[in-house]
């Protein structure tokens, strides 16, 4: 079932390739809603704030991820699970960036 409401930013893909931009958008929106502290470990937030953040997080993830994490009601646990699953950009992108930098650096020379 597709999201009926128009999303303000793209949802997190099942592959996690837009994780960095998605994380930045989510943090900004949670901060504007006043519930950013619900995704920190060891928070003492009200149930209403947790529910608000949980609904927001579930709205902005892929449908398959929604199904997989449908039983997760704590936004902090959901945030940490998604972080451990997709936040490995340094290991993925750094070798490619170093290789591209080396190739770019040597393209300026004629030999």
PDB file of N, CA and C in Angstrom:
ATOM      1  N   UNK A   1       0.840  -1.176   0.000  1.00  0.00           N
ATOM      2  CA  UNK A   1       0.000   0.000   0.000  1.00  0.00           C
ATOM      3  C   UNK A   1       0.884   1.238   0.000  1.00  0.00           C
ATOM      4  N   UNK A   2       0.656   2.112  -0.915  1.00  0.00           N
ATOM      5  CA  UNK A   2       1.480   3.315  -1.047  1.00  0.00           C
ATOM      6  C   UNK A   2       1.041   4.371  -0.039  1.00  0.00           C
ATOM      7  N   UNK A   3       2.002   5.231   0.320  1.00  0.00           N
ATOM      8  CA  UNK A   3       1.673   6.350   1.202  1.00  0.00           C
ATOM      9  C   UNK A   3       0.752   7.299   0.453  1.00  0.00           C
ATOM     10  N   UNK A   4      -0.370   7.622   1.061  1.00  0.00           N
ATOM     11  CA  UNK A   4      -1.336   8.501   0.409  1.00  0.00           C
ATOM     12  C   UNK A   4      -0.908   9.957   0.543  1.00  0.00           C
ATOM     13  N   UNK A   5      -0.427  10.332   1.720  1.00  0.00           N
ATOM     14  CA  UNK A   5      -0.005  11.716   1.943  1.00  0.00           C
ATOM     15  C   UNK A   5       1.309  11.984   1.214  1.00  0.00           C
ATOM     16  N   UNK A   6       1.447  13.199   0.728  1.00  0.00           N
ATOM     17  CA  UNK A   6       2.669  13.583   0.037  1.00  0.00           C
ATOM     18  C   UNK A   6       3.795  13.731   1.059  1.00  0.00           C
ATOM     19  N   UNK A   7       4.930  13.132   0.774  1.00  0.00           N
ATOM     20  CA  UNK A   7       6.069  13.180   1.680  1.00  0.00           C
ATOM     21  C   UNK A   7       6.882  14.447   1.440  1.00  0.00           C
ATOM     22  N   UNK A   8       7.417  15.021   2.533  1.00  0.00           N
ATOM     23  CA  UNK A   8       8.217  16.238   2.406  1.00  0.00           C
ATOM     24  C   UNK A   8       9.609  15.953   1.860  1.00  0.00           C
ATOM     25  N   UNK A   9      10.095  14.739   2.065  1.00  0.00           N
ATOM     26  CA  UNK A   9      11.386  14.314   1.538  1.00  0.00           C
ATOM     27  C   UNK A   9      11.296  12.826   1.241  1.00  0.00           C
ATOM     28  N   UNK A  10      12.215  12.280   0.437  1.00  0.00           N
ATOM     29  CA  UNK A  10      12.121  10.864   0.062  1.00  0.00           C
ATOM     30  C   UNK A  10      12.267   9.939   1.259  1.00  0.00           C
ATOM     31  N   UNK A  11      11.532   8.857   1.234  1.00  0.00           N
ATOM     32  CA  UNK A  11      11.610   7.857   2.293  1.00  0.00           C
ATOM     33  C   UNK A  11      12.917   7.076   2.177  1.00  0.00           C
ATOM     34  N   UNK A  12      13.327   6.452   3.274  1.00  0.00           N
ATOM     35  CA  UNK A  12      14.543   5.643   3.288  1.00  0.00           C
ATOM     36  C   UNK A  12      14.336   4.415   2.418  1.00  0.00           C
ATOM     37  N   UNK A  13      15.216   4.225   1.451  1.00  0.00           N
ATOM     38  CA  UNK A  13      15.129   3.073   0.555  1.00  0.00           C
ATOM     39  C   UNK A  13      15.475   1.791   1.296  1.00  0.00           C
ATOM     40  N   UNK A  14      15.025   0.685   0.759  1.00  0.00           N
ATOM     41  CA  UNK A  14      15.335  -0.622   1.337  1.00  0.00           C
ATOM     42  C   UNK A  14      16.823  -0.925   1.226  1.00  0.00           C
ATOM     43  N   UNK A  15      17.492  -0.318   0.232  1.00  0.00           N
ATOM     44  CA  UNK A  15      18.930  -0.531   0.064  1.00  0.00           C
ATOM     45  C   UNK A  15      19.743   0.394   0.958  1.00  0.00           C
ATOM     46  N   UNK A  16      19.139   1.472   1.424  1.00  0.00           N
ATOM     47  CA  UNK A  16      19.838   2.403   2.299  1.00  0.00           C
ATOM     48  C   UNK A  16      20.773   3.352   1.588  1.00  0.00           C
ATOM     49  N   UNK A  17      20.653   3.475   0.272  1.00  0.00           N
ATOM     50  CA  UNK A  17      21.582   4.338  -0.458  1.00  0.00           C
ATOM     51  C   UNK A  17      21.336   5.820  -0.215  1.00  0.00           C
ATOM     52  N   UNK A  18      20.180   6.180   0.314  1.00  0.00           N
ATOM     53  CA  UNK A  18      19.918   7.583   0.641  1.00  0.00           C
ATOM     54  C   UNK A  18      19.922   7.816   2.155  1.00  0.00           C
ATOM     55  N   UNK A  19      20.643   6.981   2.879  1.00  0.00           N
ATOM     56  CA  UNK A  19      20.638   7.041   4.339  1.00  0.00           C
ATOM     57  C   UNK A  19      21.165   8.360   4.884  1.00  0.00           C
ATOM     58  N   UNK A  20      22.230   8.891   4.300  1.00  0.00           N
ATOM     59  CA  UNK A  20      22.824  10.112   4.835  1.00  0.00           C
ATOM     60  C   UNK A  20      21.866  11.298   4.728  1.00  0.00           C
ATOM     61  N   UNK A  21      21.269  11.487   3.573  1.00  0.00           N
ATOM     62  CA  UNK A  21      20.334  12.604   3.414  1.00  0.00           C
ATOM     63  C   UNK A  21      19.062  12.367   4.217  1.00  0.00           C
ATOM     64  N   UNK A  22      18.602  11.118   4.271  1.00  0.00           N
ATOM     65  CA  UNK A  22      17.407  10.778   5.036  1.00  0.00           C
ATOM     66  C   UNK A  22      17.615  11.072   6.514  1.00  0.00           C
ATOM     67  N   UNK A  23      18.769  10.712   7.051  1.00  0.00           N
ATOM     68  CA  UNK A  23      19.072  10.960   8.460  1.00  0.00           C
ATOM     69  C   UNK A  23      19.054  12.447   8.768  1.00  0.00           C
ATOM     70  N   UNK A  24      19.644  13.244   7.903  1.00  0.00           N
ATOM     71  CA  UNK A  24      19.661  14.692   8.120  1.00  0.00           C
ATOM     72  C   UNK A  24      18.241  15.266   8.097  1.00  0.00           C
ATOM     73  N   UNK A  25      17.428  14.833   7.139  1.00  0.00           N
ATOM     74  CA  UNK A  25      16.042  15.308   7.058  1.00  0.00           C
ATOM     75  C   UNK A  25      15.244  14.912   8.298  1.00  0.00           C
ATOM     76  N   UNK A  26      15.381  13.673   8.717  1.00  0.00           N
ATOM     77  CA  UNK A  26      14.619  13.187   9.868  1.00  0.00           C
ATOM     78  C   UNK A  26      15.009  13.944  11.129  1.00  0.00           C
ATOM     79  N   UNK A  27      16.303  14.158  11.328  1.00  0.00           N
ATOM     80  CA  UNK A  27      16.724  14.887  12.521  1.00  0.00           C
ATOM     81  C   UNK A  27      16.164  16.308  12.532  1.00  0.00           C
ATOM     82  N   UNK A  28      16.174  16.964  11.379  1.00  0.00           N
ATOM     83  CA  UNK A  28      15.619  18.321  11.307  1.00  0.00           C
ATOM     84  C   UNK A  28      14.130  18.346  11.618  1.00  0.00           C
ATOM     85  N   UNK A  29      13.398  17.399  11.059  1.00  0.00           N
ATOM     86  CA  UNK A  29      11.957  17.375  11.275  1.00  0.00           C
ATOM     87  C   UNK A  29      11.606  16.993  12.712  1.00  0.00           C
ATOM     88  N   UNK A  30      12.327  16.038  13.279  1.00  0.00           N
ATOM     89  CA  UNK A  30      12.063  15.674  14.672  1.00  0.00           C
ATOM     90  C   UNK A  30      12.386  16.835  15.604  1.00  0.00           C
ATOM     91  N   UNK A  31      13.436  17.580  15.280  1.00  0.00           N
ATOM     92  CA  UNK A  31      13.784  18.747  16.089  1.00  0.00           C
ATOM     93  C   UNK A  31      12.692  19.804  15.984  1.00  0.00           C
ATOM     94  N   UNK A  32      12.168  20.024  14.787  1.00  0.00           N
ATOM     95  CA  UNK A  32      11.106  21.018  14.620  1.00  0.00           C
ATOM     96  C   UNK A  32       9.822  20.588  15.330  1.00  0.00           C
ATOM     97  N   UNK A  33       9.612  19.283  15.454  1.00  0.00           N
ATOM     98  CA  UNK A  33       8.444  18.777  16.163  1.00  0.00           C
ATOM     99  C   UNK A  33       8.665  18.759  17.676  1.00  0.00           C
ATOM    100  N   UNK A  34       9.906  18.962  18.108  1.00  0.00           N
ATOM    101  CA  UNK A  34      10.218  18.959  19.534  1.00  0.00           C
ATOM    102  C   UNK A  34      10.385  17.582  20.137  1.00  0.00           C
ATOM    103  N   UNK A  35      10.653  16.584  19.305  1.00  0.00           N
ATOM    104  CA  UNK A  35      10.780  15.217  19.806  1.00  0.00           C
ATOM    105  C   UNK A  35      12.111  14.575  19.397  1.00  0.00           C
ATOM    106  N   UNK A  36      13.122  15.385  19.163  1.00  0.00           N
ATOM    107  CA  UNK A  36      14.419  14.854  18.739  1.00  0.00           C
ATOM    108  C   UNK A  36      15.037  13.956  19.802  1.00  0.00           C
ATOM    109  N   UNK A  37      14.814  14.262  21.069  1.00  0.00           N
ATOM    110  CA  UNK A  37      15.421  13.467  22.130  1.00  0.00           C
ATOM    111  C   UNK A  37      14.822  12.065  22.250  1.00  0.00           C
ATOM    112  N   UNK A  38      13.758  11.768  21.513  1.00  0.00           N
ATOM    113  CA  UNK A  38      13.170  10.427  21.571  1.00  0.00           C
ATOM    114  C   UNK A  38      14.041   9.386  20.882  1.00  0.00           C
ATOM    115  N   UNK A  39      14.978   9.800  20.037  1.00  0.00           N
ATOM    116  CA  UNK A  39      15.825   8.834  19.342  1.00  0.00           C
ATOM    117  C   UNK A  39      17.183   8.677  20.017  1.00  0.00           C
ATOM    118  N   UNK A  40      17.381   9.329  21.161  1.00  0.00           N
ATOM    119  CA  UNK A  40      18.633   9.168  21.901  1.00  0.00           C
ATOM    120  C   UNK A  40      18.488   8.027  22.900  1.00  0.00           C
ATOM    121  N   UNK A  41      19.596   7.366  23.174  1.00  0.00           N
ATOM    122  CA  UNK A  41      19.593   6.229  24.086  1.00  0.00           C
ATOM    123  C   UNK A  41      19.426   6.738  25.514  1.00  0.00           C
ATOM    124  N   UNK A  42      18.591   6.068  26.282  1.00  0.00           N
ATOM    125  CA  UNK A  42      18.387   6.418  27.682  1.00  0.00           C
ATOM    126  C   UNK A  42      17.509   7.630  27.891  1.00  0.00           C
ATOM    127  N   UNK A  43      16.580   7.879  26.989  1.00  0.00           N
ATOM    128  CA  UNK A  43      15.719   9.048  27.131  1.00  0.00           C
ATOM    129  C   UNK A  43      14.581   8.754  28.104  1.00  0.00           C
ATOM    130  N   UNK A  44      14.046   9.791  28.680  1.00  0.00           N
ATOM    131  CA  UNK A  44      12.893   9.685  29.573  1.00  0.00           C
ATOM    132  C   UNK A  44      11.750  10.521  29.009  1.00  0.00           C
ATOM    133  N   UNK A  45      11.343  10.185  27.805  1.00  0.00           N
ATOM    134  CA  UNK A  45      10.319  10.964  27.107  1.00  0.00           C
ATOM    135  C   UNK A  45       8.932  10.437  27.448  1.00  0.00           C
ATOM    136  N   UNK A  46       7.961  11.284  27.214  1.00  0.00           N
ATOM    137  CA  UNK A  46       6.577  10.887  27.406  1.00  0.00           C
ATOM    138  C   UNK A  46       6.151   9.942  26.295  1.00  0.00           C
ATOM    139  N   UNK A  47       5.155   9.138  26.582  1.00  0.00           N
ATOM    140  CA  UNK A  47       4.660   8.179  25.595  1.00  0.00           C
ATOM    141  C   UNK A  47       4.083   8.876  24.371  1.00  0.00           C
ATOM    142  N   UNK A  48       3.494  10.042  24.563  1.00  0.00           N
ATOM    143  CA  UNK A  48       2.924  10.782  23.438  1.00  0.00           C
ATOM    144  C   UNK A  48       4.020  11.243  22.481  1.00  0.00           C
ATOM    145  N   UNK A  49       5.162  11.707  23.009  1.00  0.00           N
ATOM    146  CA  UNK A  49       6.276  12.120  22.164  1.00  0.00           C
ATOM    147  C   UNK A  49       6.873  10.927  21.432  1.00  0.00           C
ATOM    148  N   UNK A  50       6.988   9.796  22.132  1.00  0.00           N
ATOM    149  CA  UNK A  50       7.509   8.590  21.488  1.00  0.00           C
ATOM    150  C   UNK A  50       6.597   8.128  20.360  1.00  0.00           C
ATOM    151  N   UNK A  51       5.302   8.203  20.595  1.00  0.00           N
ATOM    152  CA  UNK A  51       4.349   7.790  19.563  1.00  0.00           C
ATOM    153  C   UNK A  51       4.419   8.714  18.358  1.00  0.00           C
ATOM    154  N   UNK A  52       4.566  10.002  18.601  1.00  0.00           N
ATOM    155  CA  UNK A  52       4.664  10.970  17.509  1.00  0.00           C
ATOM    156  C   UNK A  52       5.914  10.700  16.661  1.00  0.00           C
ATOM    157  N   UNK A  53       7.040  10.463  17.319  1.00  0.00           N
ATOM    158  CA  UNK A  53       8.283  10.175  16.602  1.00  0.00           C
ATOM    159  C   UNK A  53       8.209   8.828  15.888  1.00  0.00           C
ATOM    160  N   UNK A  54       7.568   7.851  16.515  1.00  0.00           N
ATOM    161  CA  UNK A  54       7.444   6.521  15.918  1.00  0.00           C
ATOM    162  C   UNK A  54       6.620   6.575  14.638  1.00  0.00           C
ATOM    163  N   UNK A  55       5.509   7.297  14.675  1.00  0.00           N
ATOM    164  CA  UNK A  55       4.670   7.438  13.483  1.00  0.00           C
ATOM    165  C   UNK A  55       5.443   8.143  12.378  1.00  0.00           C
ATOM    166  N   UNK A  56       6.190   9.182  12.742  1.00  0.00           N
ATOM    167  CA  UNK A  56       6.960   9.923  11.749  1.00  0.00           C
ATOM    168  C   UNK A  56       8.028   9.034  11.120  1.00  0.00           C
ATOM    169  N   UNK A  57       8.760   8.276  11.931  1.00  0.00           N
ATOM    170  CA  UNK A  57       9.812   7.404  11.398  1.00  0.00           C
ATOM    171  C   UNK A  57       9.226   6.328  10.488  1.00  0.00           C
ATOM    172  N   UNK A  58       8.126   5.720  10.902  1.00  0.00           N
ATOM    173  CA  UNK A  58       7.524   4.680  10.077  1.00  0.00           C
ATOM    174  C   UNK A  58       6.961   5.240   8.772  1.00  0.00           C
ATOM    175  N   UNK A  59       6.560   6.501   8.786  1.00  0.00           N
ATOM    176  CA  UNK A  59       6.033   7.118   7.571  1.00  0.00           C
ATOM    177  C   UNK A  59       7.125   7.311   6.534  1.00  0.00           C
ATOM    178  N   UNK A  60       8.349   7.533   6.975  1.00  0.00           N
ATOM    179  CA  UNK A  60       9.447   7.888   6.074  1.00  0.00           C
ATOM    180  C   UNK A  60      10.455   6.762   5.874  1.00  0.00           C
ATOM    181  N   UNK A  61      10.002   5.520   5.961  1.00  0.00           N
ATOM    182  CA  UNK A  61      10.853   4.396   5.569  1.00  0.00           C
ATOM    183  C   UNK A  61      10.114   3.594   4.502  1.00  0.00           C
ATOM    184  N   UNK A  62      10.855   2.820   3.760  1.00  0.00           N
ATOM    185  CA  UNK A  62      10.306   2.012   2.680  1.00  0.00           C
ATOM    186  C   UNK A  62       9.229   1.061   3.215  1.00  0.00           C
ATOM    187  N   UNK A  63       8.302   0.673   2.364  1.00  0.00           N
ATOM    188  CA  UNK A  63       7.198  -0.192   2.778  1.00  0.00           C
ATOM    189  C   UNK A  63       7.680  -1.531   3.320  1.00  0.00           C
ATOM    190  N   UNK A  64       8.725  -2.080   2.735  1.00  0.00           N
ATOM    191  CA  UNK A  64       9.254  -3.355   3.230  1.00  0.00           C
ATOM    192  C   UNK A  64       9.890  -3.177   4.611  1.00  0.00           C
ATOM    193  N   UNK A  65      10.558  -2.036   4.819  1.00  0.00           N
ATOM    194  CA  UNK A  65      11.110  -1.749   6.145  1.00  0.00           C
ATOM    195  C   UNK A  65       9.989  -1.511   7.145  1.00  0.00           C
ATOM    196  N   UNK A  66       8.913  -0.883   6.711  1.00  0.00           N
ATOM    197  CA  UNK A  66       7.758  -0.686   7.584  1.00  0.00           C
ATOM    198  C   UNK A  66       7.216  -2.034   8.053  1.00  0.00           C
ATOM    199  N   UNK A  67       7.128  -2.970   7.131  1.00  0.00           N
ATOM    200  CA  UNK A  67       6.635  -4.299   7.478  1.00  0.00           C
ATOM    201  C   UNK A  67       7.600  -5.002   8.433  1.00  0.00           C
ATOM    202  N   UNK A  68       8.890  -4.892   8.149  1.00  0.00           N
ATOM    203  CA  UNK A  68       9.895  -5.561   8.975  1.00  0.00           C
ATOM    204  C   UNK A  68       9.929  -5.007  10.394  1.00  0.00           C
ATOM    205  N   UNK A  69       9.776  -3.693  10.526  1.00  0.00           N
ATOM    206  CA  UNK A  69       9.839  -3.051  11.836  1.00  0.00           C
ATOM    207  C   UNK A  69       8.453  -2.672  12.359  1.00  0.00           C
ATOM    208  N   UNK A  70       7.430  -3.373  11.951  1.00  0.00           N
ATOM    209  CA  UNK A  70       6.072  -3.025  12.370  1.00  0.00           C
ATOM    210  C   UNK A  70       5.847  -3.254  13.866  1.00  0.00           C
ATOM    211  N   UNK A  71       6.565  -4.176  14.468  1.00  0.00           N
ATOM    212  CA  UNK A  71       6.398  -4.444  15.894  1.00  0.00           C
ATOM    213  C   UNK A  71       7.227  -3.523  16.770  1.00  0.00           C
ATOM    214  N   UNK A  72       8.112  -2.750  16.194  1.00  0.00           N
ATOM    215  CA  UNK A  72       8.985  -1.857  16.953  1.00  0.00           C
ATOM    216  C   UNK A  72       8.227  -0.564  17.262  1.00  0.00           C
ATOM    217  N   UNK A  73       7.917  -0.344  18.530  1.00  0.00           N
ATOM    218  CA  UNK A  73       7.149   0.835  18.920  1.00  0.00           C
ATOM    219  C   UNK A  73       8.008   1.919  19.563  1.00  0.00           C
ATOM    220  N   UNK A  74       9.243   1.621  19.894  1.00  0.00           N
ATOM    221  CA  UNK A  74      10.126   2.609  20.508  1.00  0.00           C
ATOM    222  C   UNK A  74      10.974   3.249  19.410  1.00  0.00           C
ATOM    223  N   UNK A  75      10.873   4.569  19.217  1.00  0.00           N
ATOM    224  CA  UNK A  75      11.643   5.203  18.149  1.00  0.00           C
ATOM    225  C   UNK A  75      13.145   5.100  18.352  1.00  0.00           C
ATOM    226  N   UNK A  76      13.594   5.026  19.588  1.00  0.00           N
ATOM    227  CA  UNK A  76      15.024   4.896  19.854  1.00  0.00           C
ATOM    228  C   UNK A  76      15.554   3.551  19.346  1.00  0.00           C
ATOM    229  N   UNK A  77      14.815   2.502  19.593  1.00  0.00           N
ATOM    230  CA  UNK A  77      15.226   1.168  19.128  1.00  0.00           C
ATOM    231  C   UNK A  77      15.194   1.110  17.608  1.00  0.00           C
ATOM    232  N   UNK A  78      14.146   1.663  17.010  1.00  0.00           N
ATOM    233  CA  UNK A  78      14.055   1.696  15.547  1.00  0.00           C
ATOM    234  C   UNK A  78      15.206   2.487  14.950  1.00  0.00           C
ATOM    235  N   UNK A  79      15.517   3.643  15.527  1.00  0.00           N
ATOM    236  CA  UNK A  79      16.609   4.482  15.040  1.00  0.00           C
ATOM    237  C   UNK A  79      17.934   3.740  15.124  1.00  0.00           C
ATOM    238  N   UNK A  80      18.208   3.083  16.239  1.00  0.00           N
ATOM    239  CA  UNK A  80      19.469   2.349  16.412  1.00  0.00           C
ATOM    240  C   UNK A  80      19.554   1.153  15.466  1.00  0.00           C
ATOM    241  N   UNK A  81      18.436   0.464  15.255  1.00  0.00           N
ATOM    242  CA  UNK A  81      18.432  -0.661  14.312  1.00  0.00           C
ATOM    243  C   UNK A  81      18.716  -0.198  12.886  1.00  0.00           C
ATOM    244  N   UNK A  82      18.073   0.891  12.475  1.00  0.00           N
ATOM    245  CA  UNK A  82      18.325   1.409  11.134  1.00  0.00           C
ATOM    246  C   UNK A  82      19.751   1.931  11.003  1.00  0.00           C
ATOM    247  N   UNK A  83      20.255   2.530  12.069  1.00  0.00           N
ATOM    248  CA  UNK A  83      21.629   3.035  12.053  1.00  0.00           C
ATOM    249  C   UNK A  83      22.629   1.888  11.914  1.00  0.00           C
ATOM    250  N   UNK A  84      22.431   0.826  12.669  1.00  0.00           N
ATOM    251  CA  UNK A  84      23.360  -0.305  12.574  1.00  0.00           C
ATOM    252  C   UNK A  84      23.235  -1.016  11.225  1.00  0.00           C
ATOM    253  N   UNK A  85      22.071  -0.945  10.618  1.00  0.00           N
ATOM    254  CA  UNK A  85      21.861  -1.612   9.331  1.00  0.00           C
ATOM    255  C   UNK A  85      22.425  -0.828   8.155  1.00  0.00           C
ATOM    256  N   UNK A  86      22.280   0.506   8.173  1.00  0.00           N
ATOM    257  CA  UNK A  86      22.629   1.305   7.002  1.00  0.00           C
ATOM    258  C   UNK A  86      23.775   2.279   7.195  1.00  0.00           C
ATOM    259  N   UNK A  87      24.206   2.534   8.402  1.00  0.00           N
ATOM    260  CA  UNK A  87      25.208   3.574   8.631  1.00  0.00           C
ATOM    261  C   UNK A  87      26.632   3.012   8.522  1.00  0.00           C
ATOM    262  N   UNK A  88      26.949   2.510   7.372  1.00  0.00           N
ATOM    263  CA  UNK A  88      28.292   2.005   7.103  1.00  0.00           C
ATOM    264  C   UNK A  88      28.855   2.679   5.855  1.00  0.00           C
ATOM    265  N   UNK A  89      28.525   3.950   5.703  1.00  0.00           N
ATOM    266  CA  UNK A  89      28.908   4.687   4.504  1.00  0.00           C
ATOM    267  C   UNK A  89      30.414   4.839   4.377  1.00  0.00           C
ATOM    268  N   UNK A  90      31.095   4.980   5.506  1.00  0.00           N
ATOM    269  CA  UNK A  90      32.546   5.155   5.442  1.00  0.00           C
ATOM    270  C   UNK A  90      33.210   3.915   4.842  1.00  0.00           C
ATOM    271  N   UNK A  91      32.791   2.742   5.259  1.00  0.00           N
ATOM    272  CA  UNK A  91      33.379   1.508   4.736  1.00  0.00           C
ATOM    273  C   UNK A  91      33.030   1.293   3.275  1.00  0.00           C
ATOM    274  N   UNK A  92      31.870   1.779   2.863  1.00  0.00           N
ATOM    275  CA  UNK A  92      31.426   1.576   1.484  1.00  0.00           C
ATOM    276  C   UNK A  92      31.992   2.640   0.553  1.00  0.00           C
ATOM    277  N   UNK A  93      31.917   3.895   0.963  1.00  0.00           N
ATOM    278  CA  UNK A  93      32.258   4.994   0.065  1.00  0.00           C
ATOM    279  C   UNK A  93      33.727   5.391   0.087  1.00  0.00           C
ATOM    280  N   UNK A  94      34.415   5.203   1.202  1.00  0.00           N
ATOM    281  CA  UNK A  94      35.796   5.669   1.306  1.00  0.00           C
ATOM    282  C   UNK A  94      36.733   5.004   0.300  1.00  0.00           C
ATOM    283  N   UNK A  95      36.735   3.683   0.136  1.00  0.00           N
ATOM    284  CA  UNK A  95      37.637   3.097  -0.868  1.00  0.00           C
ATOM    285  C   UNK A  95      37.361   3.596  -2.287  1.00  0.00           C
ATOM    286  N   UNK A  96      36.098   3.765  -2.632  1.00  0.00           N
ATOM    287  CA  UNK A  96      35.750   4.268  -3.957  1.00  0.00           C
ATOM    288  C   UNK A  96      36.218   5.705  -4.126  1.00  0.00           C
ATOM    289  N   UNK A  97      36.034   6.530  -3.102  1.00  0.00           N
ATOM    290  CA  UNK A  97      36.459   7.931  -3.179  1.00  0.00           C
ATOM    291  C   UNK A  97      37.972   8.043  -3.289  1.00  0.00           C
ATOM    292  N   UNK A  98      38.699   7.219  -2.547  1.00  0.00           N
ATOM    293  CA  UNK A  98      40.164   7.237  -2.623  1.00  0.00           C
ATOM    294  C   UNK A  98      40.629   6.824  -4.008  1.00  0.00           C
ATOM    295  N   UNK A  99      40.018   5.788  -4.570  1.00  0.00           N
ATOM    296  CA  UNK A  99      40.373   5.333  -5.907  1.00  0.00           C
ATOM    297  C   UNK A  99      40.078   6.407  -6.956  1.00  0.00           C
ATOM    298  N   UNK A 100      38.920   7.045  -6.851  1.00  0.00           N
ATOM    299  CA  UNK A 100      38.586   8.110  -7.793  1.00  0.00           C
ATOM    300  C   UNK A 100      39.545   9.292  -7.651  1.00  0.00           C
ATOM    301  N   UNK A 101      39.930   9.613  -6.424  1.00  0.00           N
ATOM    302  CA  UNK A 101      40.864  10.721  -6.199  1.00  0.00           C
ATOM    303  C   UNK A 101      42.219  10.405  -6.820  1.00  0.00           C
ATOM    304  N   UNK A 102      42.700   9.177  -6.643  1.00  0.00           N
ATOM    305  CA  UNK A 102      43.989   8.797  -7.232  1.00  0.00           C
ATOM    306  C   UNK A 102      43.942   8.854  -8.752  1.00  0.00           C
ATOM    307  N   UNK A 103      42.868   8.382  -9.355  1.00  0.00           N
ATOM    308  CA  UNK A 103      42.731   8.439 -10.815  1.00  0.00           C
ATOM    309  C   UNK A 103      42.621   9.875 -11.302  1.00  0.00           C
ATOM    310  N   UNK A 104      41.908  10.694 -10.594  1.00  0.00           N
ATOM    311  CA  UNK A 104      41.756  12.094 -10.978  1.00  0.00           C
ATOM    312  C   UNK A 104      43.080  12.835 -10.868  1.00  0.00           C
ATOM    313  N   UNK A 105      43.826  12.552  -9.828  1.00  0.00           N
ATOM    314  CA  UNK A 105      45.097  13.230  -9.601  1.00  0.00           C
ATOM    315  C   UNK A 105      46.095  12.904 -10.704  1.00  0.00           C
ATOM    316  N   UNK A 106      46.094  11.675 -11.198  1.00  0.00           N
ATOM    317  CA  UNK A 106      47.054  11.285 -12.226  1.00  0.00           C
ATOM    318  C   UNK A 106      46.596  11.621 -13.638  1.00  0.00           C
ATOM    319  N   UNK A 107      45.386  12.044 -13.814  1.00  0.00           N
ATOM    320  CA  UNK A 107      44.906  12.413 -15.147  1.00  0.00           C
ATOM    321  C   UNK A 107      45.472  13.748 -15.608  1.00  0.00           C
ATOM    322  N   UNK A 108      45.977  14.554 -14.706  1.00  0.00           N
ATOM    323  CA  UNK A 108      46.522  15.865 -15.069  1.00  0.00           C
ATOM    324  C   UNK A 108      47.904  15.756 -15.701  1.00  0.00           C
ATOM    325  N   UNK A 109      48.596  14.642 -15.516  1.00  0.00           N
ATOM    326  CA  UNK A 109      49.955  14.484 -16.027  1.00  0.00           C
ATOM    327  C   UNK A 109      49.912  13.869 -17.422  1.00  0.00           C
ATOM    328  N   UNK A 110      50.894  14.258 -18.253  1.00  0.00           N
ATOM    329  CA  UNK A 110      50.916  13.780 -19.638  1.00  0.00           C
ATOM    330  C   UNK A 110      51.599  12.427 -19.790  1.00  0.00           C
ATOM    331  N   UNK A 111      52.401  12.022 -18.813  1.00  0.00           N
ATOM    332  CA  UNK A 111      53.111  10.747 -18.931  1.00  0.00           C
ATOM    333  C   UNK A 111      52.260   9.597 -18.531  1.00  0.00           C
TER     334      UNK A 111
END
